Protein backbone atom coordinates (compact mmCIF):
# COMPACT_ATOMS: atom_id res chain seq x y z
CA UNK A 1 107.19 138.38 40.38
CA UNK A 2 103.90 138.06 38.54
CA UNK A 3 103.64 136.98 34.92
CA UNK A 4 100.78 138.35 32.81
CA UNK A 5 97.88 136.02 32.06
CA UNK A 6 98.25 134.15 28.76
CA UNK A 7 95.63 132.44 26.61
CA UNK A 8 96.06 128.67 26.09
CA UNK A 9 95.03 126.98 22.85
CA UNK A 10 93.83 123.42 22.25
CA UNK A 11 97.32 122.01 21.75
CA UNK A 12 98.54 123.33 25.09
CA UNK A 13 100.56 126.16 23.58
CA UNK A 14 100.98 129.28 25.72
CA UNK A 15 101.54 132.14 23.24
CA UNK A 16 104.42 134.45 24.09
CA UNK A 17 103.57 138.15 24.03
CA UNK A 18 106.81 140.06 23.60
CA UNK A 19 105.05 143.42 23.75
CA UNK A 20 104.33 143.19 27.49
CA UNK A 21 107.05 143.69 30.06
CA UNK A 22 107.12 142.61 33.69
CA UNK A 23 106.50 144.93 36.56
CA UNK A 24 109.85 145.95 38.05
CA UNK A 25 110.61 148.32 40.87
CA UNK A 26 113.37 150.08 38.90
CA UNK A 27 111.17 151.03 35.97
CA UNK A 28 110.11 149.90 32.54
CA UNK A 29 113.58 149.85 31.00
CA UNK A 30 114.82 147.36 33.58
CA UNK A 31 111.69 145.27 33.14
CA UNK A 32 112.48 144.37 29.52
CA UNK A 33 115.40 141.93 29.09
CA UNK A 34 117.42 142.08 25.86
CA UNK A 35 115.87 140.45 22.79
CA UNK A 36 118.51 137.70 22.71
CA UNK A 37 117.68 136.78 26.29
CA UNK A 38 113.99 136.63 25.51
CA UNK A 39 114.57 134.33 22.55
CA UNK A 40 116.78 132.03 24.60
CA UNK A 41 114.20 131.89 27.37
CA UNK A 42 111.44 131.10 24.89
CA UNK A 43 113.47 128.33 23.27
CA UNK A 44 114.23 126.77 26.64
CA UNK A 45 110.60 126.85 27.73
CA UNK A 46 109.40 125.49 24.38
CA UNK A 47 111.72 122.47 24.56
CA UNK A 48 110.84 121.43 28.10
CA UNK A 49 108.86 118.22 28.32
CA UNK A 50 108.54 117.74 24.56
CA UNK A 51 106.95 114.42 23.61
CA UNK A 52 108.91 112.58 20.88
CA UNK A 53 107.20 111.25 17.74
CA UNK A 54 106.51 107.56 17.38
CA UNK A 55 109.37 106.88 14.96
CA UNK A 56 111.91 108.03 17.55
CA UNK A 57 110.47 105.69 20.18
CA UNK A 58 110.16 102.43 18.25
CA UNK A 59 113.25 100.65 16.88
CA UNK A 60 113.77 100.86 13.12
CA UNK A 61 113.18 97.53 11.38
CA UNK A 62 113.92 97.95 7.65
CA UNK A 63 112.82 94.41 6.72
CA UNK A 64 109.36 94.80 8.22
CA UNK A 65 106.38 94.08 5.97
CA UNK A 66 104.47 97.19 4.98
CA UNK A 67 100.71 97.65 5.31
CA UNK A 68 99.03 99.83 2.68
CA UNK A 69 97.00 102.38 4.68
CA UNK A 70 94.75 104.89 2.91
CA UNK A 71 91.62 106.98 3.31
CA UNK A 72 88.80 107.69 0.84
CA UNK A 73 88.63 111.18 2.40
CA UNK A 74 92.14 112.41 1.52
CA UNK A 75 95.27 111.33 -0.34
CA UNK A 76 98.55 110.61 1.39
CA UNK A 77 100.13 114.02 2.00
CA UNK A 78 96.88 115.77 1.11
CA UNK A 79 94.56 118.07 3.03
CA UNK A 80 92.24 116.55 5.65
CA UNK A 81 88.67 117.75 5.02
CA UNK A 82 87.27 120.24 7.52
CA UNK A 83 84.54 117.81 8.62
CA UNK A 84 87.24 115.68 10.29
CA UNK A 85 88.67 118.60 12.30
CA UNK A 86 87.72 120.72 15.31
CA UNK A 87 86.51 123.38 12.86
CA UNK A 88 83.93 120.95 11.47
CA UNK A 89 82.11 117.89 12.83
CA UNK A 90 85.28 116.48 14.43
CA UNK A 91 84.50 112.94 13.23
CA UNK A 92 87.18 110.39 12.38
CA UNK A 93 87.90 109.86 8.67
CA UNK A 94 87.21 106.54 6.95
CA UNK A 95 90.27 104.31 6.68
CA UNK A 96 91.11 101.26 4.58
CA UNK A 97 94.12 98.94 4.64
CA UNK A 98 95.59 95.79 3.15
CA UNK A 99 98.72 93.69 3.58
CA UNK A 100 98.18 92.53 7.17
CA UNK A 101 100.25 89.33 7.73
CA UNK A 102 98.36 86.09 8.34
CA UNK A 103 100.20 85.69 11.66
CA UNK A 104 98.75 88.93 13.07
CA UNK A 105 96.53 88.63 16.16
CA UNK A 106 95.48 92.27 16.50
CA UNK A 107 95.94 95.77 15.10
CA UNK A 108 96.65 99.10 16.79
CA UNK A 109 96.31 102.61 15.37
CA UNK A 110 97.77 105.86 16.68
CA UNK A 111 97.25 109.30 15.14
CA UNK A 112 99.63 112.09 16.08
CA UNK A 113 100.67 115.64 15.23
CA UNK A 114 104.50 115.91 15.35
CA UNK A 115 104.32 119.65 14.62
CA UNK A 116 102.50 120.65 17.83
CA UNK A 117 104.25 123.44 19.76
CA UNK A 118 105.15 121.32 22.81
CA UNK A 119 105.98 118.06 21.09
CA UNK A 120 103.92 115.28 19.53
CA UNK A 121 100.20 115.62 20.20
CA UNK A 122 98.07 112.44 20.26
CA UNK A 123 94.76 112.63 18.40
CA UNK A 124 93.59 109.01 18.45
CA UNK A 125 94.50 105.70 20.04
CA UNK A 126 92.60 102.52 19.15
CA UNK A 127 93.92 99.01 19.81
CA UNK A 128 93.05 95.31 20.13
CA UNK A 129 91.40 95.65 16.74
CA UNK A 130 90.74 92.14 15.37
CA UNK A 131 93.35 91.27 12.73
CA UNK A 132 90.69 90.45 10.15
CA UNK A 133 89.26 93.99 10.13
CA UNK A 134 90.19 95.85 6.94
CA UNK A 135 89.10 99.39 7.73
CA UNK A 136 86.99 101.82 9.74
CA UNK A 137 83.94 103.70 8.56
CA UNK A 138 83.66 107.45 9.04
CA UNK A 139 82.86 108.64 12.53
CA UNK A 140 83.98 105.92 14.96
CA UNK A 141 81.97 106.67 18.14
CA UNK A 142 83.85 108.13 21.12
CA UNK A 143 83.25 105.09 23.32
CA UNK A 144 85.80 103.02 25.19
CA UNK A 145 84.72 99.82 23.39
CA UNK A 146 83.47 100.21 19.83
CA UNK A 147 82.18 97.89 17.12
CA UNK A 148 84.58 98.00 14.17
CA UNK A 149 83.14 95.39 11.79
CA UNK A 150 79.79 94.20 10.48
CA UNK A 151 80.24 90.91 12.32
CA UNK A 152 80.22 92.67 15.69
CA UNK A 153 83.98 92.63 16.28
CA UNK A 154 85.06 95.26 18.80
CA UNK A 155 88.16 97.26 19.70
CA UNK A 156 89.23 99.51 22.57
CA UNK A 157 89.94 103.22 22.37
CA UNK A 158 92.38 105.00 24.64
CA UNK A 159 92.81 108.62 25.72
CA UNK A 160 94.00 111.34 23.39
CA UNK A 161 95.87 114.49 24.46
CA UNK A 162 92.59 116.39 24.66
CA UNK A 163 91.99 114.12 27.69
CA UNK A 164 89.09 112.45 25.89
CA UNK A 165 88.33 108.94 24.68
CA UNK A 166 88.52 108.25 20.96
CA UNK A 167 89.23 110.56 18.06
CA UNK A 168 90.03 114.26 18.39
CA UNK A 169 90.51 115.97 15.05
CA UNK A 170 93.18 118.41 13.85
CA UNK A 171 93.06 121.70 15.75
CA UNK A 172 96.39 123.51 15.22
CA UNK A 173 96.92 126.94 16.78
CA UNK A 174 98.16 128.27 13.43
CA UNK A 175 99.96 127.25 10.26
CA UNK A 176 100.02 123.86 8.56
CA UNK A 177 100.47 120.72 10.65
CA UNK A 178 100.96 117.08 9.66
CA UNK A 179 98.70 114.36 11.06
CA UNK A 180 100.28 110.92 10.87
CA UNK A 181 98.12 107.79 11.02
CA UNK A 182 100.18 104.73 12.01
CA UNK A 183 98.73 101.22 11.85
CA UNK A 184 100.55 98.30 13.46
CA UNK A 185 99.91 94.57 12.95
CA UNK A 186 100.82 92.72 16.13
CA UNK A 187 101.40 89.10 17.12
CA UNK A 188 99.29 89.49 20.28
CA UNK A 189 96.49 91.50 21.84
CA UNK A 190 97.71 94.23 24.16
CA UNK A 191 95.21 93.74 26.96
CA UNK A 192 95.43 97.39 28.03
CA UNK A 193 92.57 99.25 29.66
CA UNK A 194 90.50 102.03 28.06
CA UNK A 195 92.56 104.75 29.80
CA UNK A 196 95.64 103.73 27.79
CA UNK A 197 97.62 106.54 26.16
CA UNK A 198 99.78 106.56 23.03
CA UNK A 199 102.84 106.05 25.24
CA UNK A 200 101.21 103.01 26.91
CA UNK A 201 100.45 101.47 23.53
CA UNK A 202 103.94 102.13 22.14
CA UNK A 203 105.56 100.54 25.18
CA UNK A 204 103.32 97.49 24.85
CA UNK A 205 103.82 96.87 21.13
CA UNK A 206 107.63 96.76 21.29
CA UNK A 207 108.76 93.32 20.19
CA UNK A 208 105.30 92.44 18.83
CA UNK A 209 105.15 94.38 15.53
CA UNK A 210 104.81 92.22 12.42
CA UNK A 211 104.04 94.98 9.94
CA UNK A 212 103.07 98.64 9.85
CA UNK A 213 101.55 101.23 7.57
CA UNK A 214 101.51 105.03 7.52
CA UNK A 215 99.23 107.72 6.11
CA UNK A 216 99.86 111.47 6.42
CA UNK A 217 97.27 114.24 6.14
CA UNK A 218 97.68 117.99 6.52
CA UNK A 219 95.50 120.74 7.93
CA UNK A 220 95.99 124.52 8.03
CA UNK A 221 94.47 127.34 10.09
């Protein structure tokens, strides 16, 4: 049996076209399953291999210190400017933070879209950031090792779900999606390589988180 060719968008979604039936030797009527069956099939396919969001992977620690994470480019819960998306220049937004504990040895940041069709989509992974750094300027270069402070301090960037190093901006197939920036203060450096993914970072930071901060932006297409 041969399925019709489908277009694939940037988030990996394969749109379902209910108007096209499958070729069937007994005719068109037999080629179209009932609507309920189609919906069940679509739901099953959509749920396969879904990647969970960060909060469902890390243990909840209610007494953890909180970092204040913000951006001069957008308010928490506000719209991310087009320049920081795939429809614009696709450069990372500026970020600022405070409240990192004195005991912290490094910082790690992950940016994810929990509303992506096939589960959480990773947009940025940067880690082994020196604990004394208090923010990133706009447009962190897409290099494996990047300078993140005026004093020459560096950090490592991992792979996003676009299979690229560094930041990949919002690029939803349709509708409004949330983009969650999560900053972690850690009691150690992770020592991972530049090919590290969000899942690699989350596995490595378990048991090492001293504090965390969160910032949410939105983007619509």
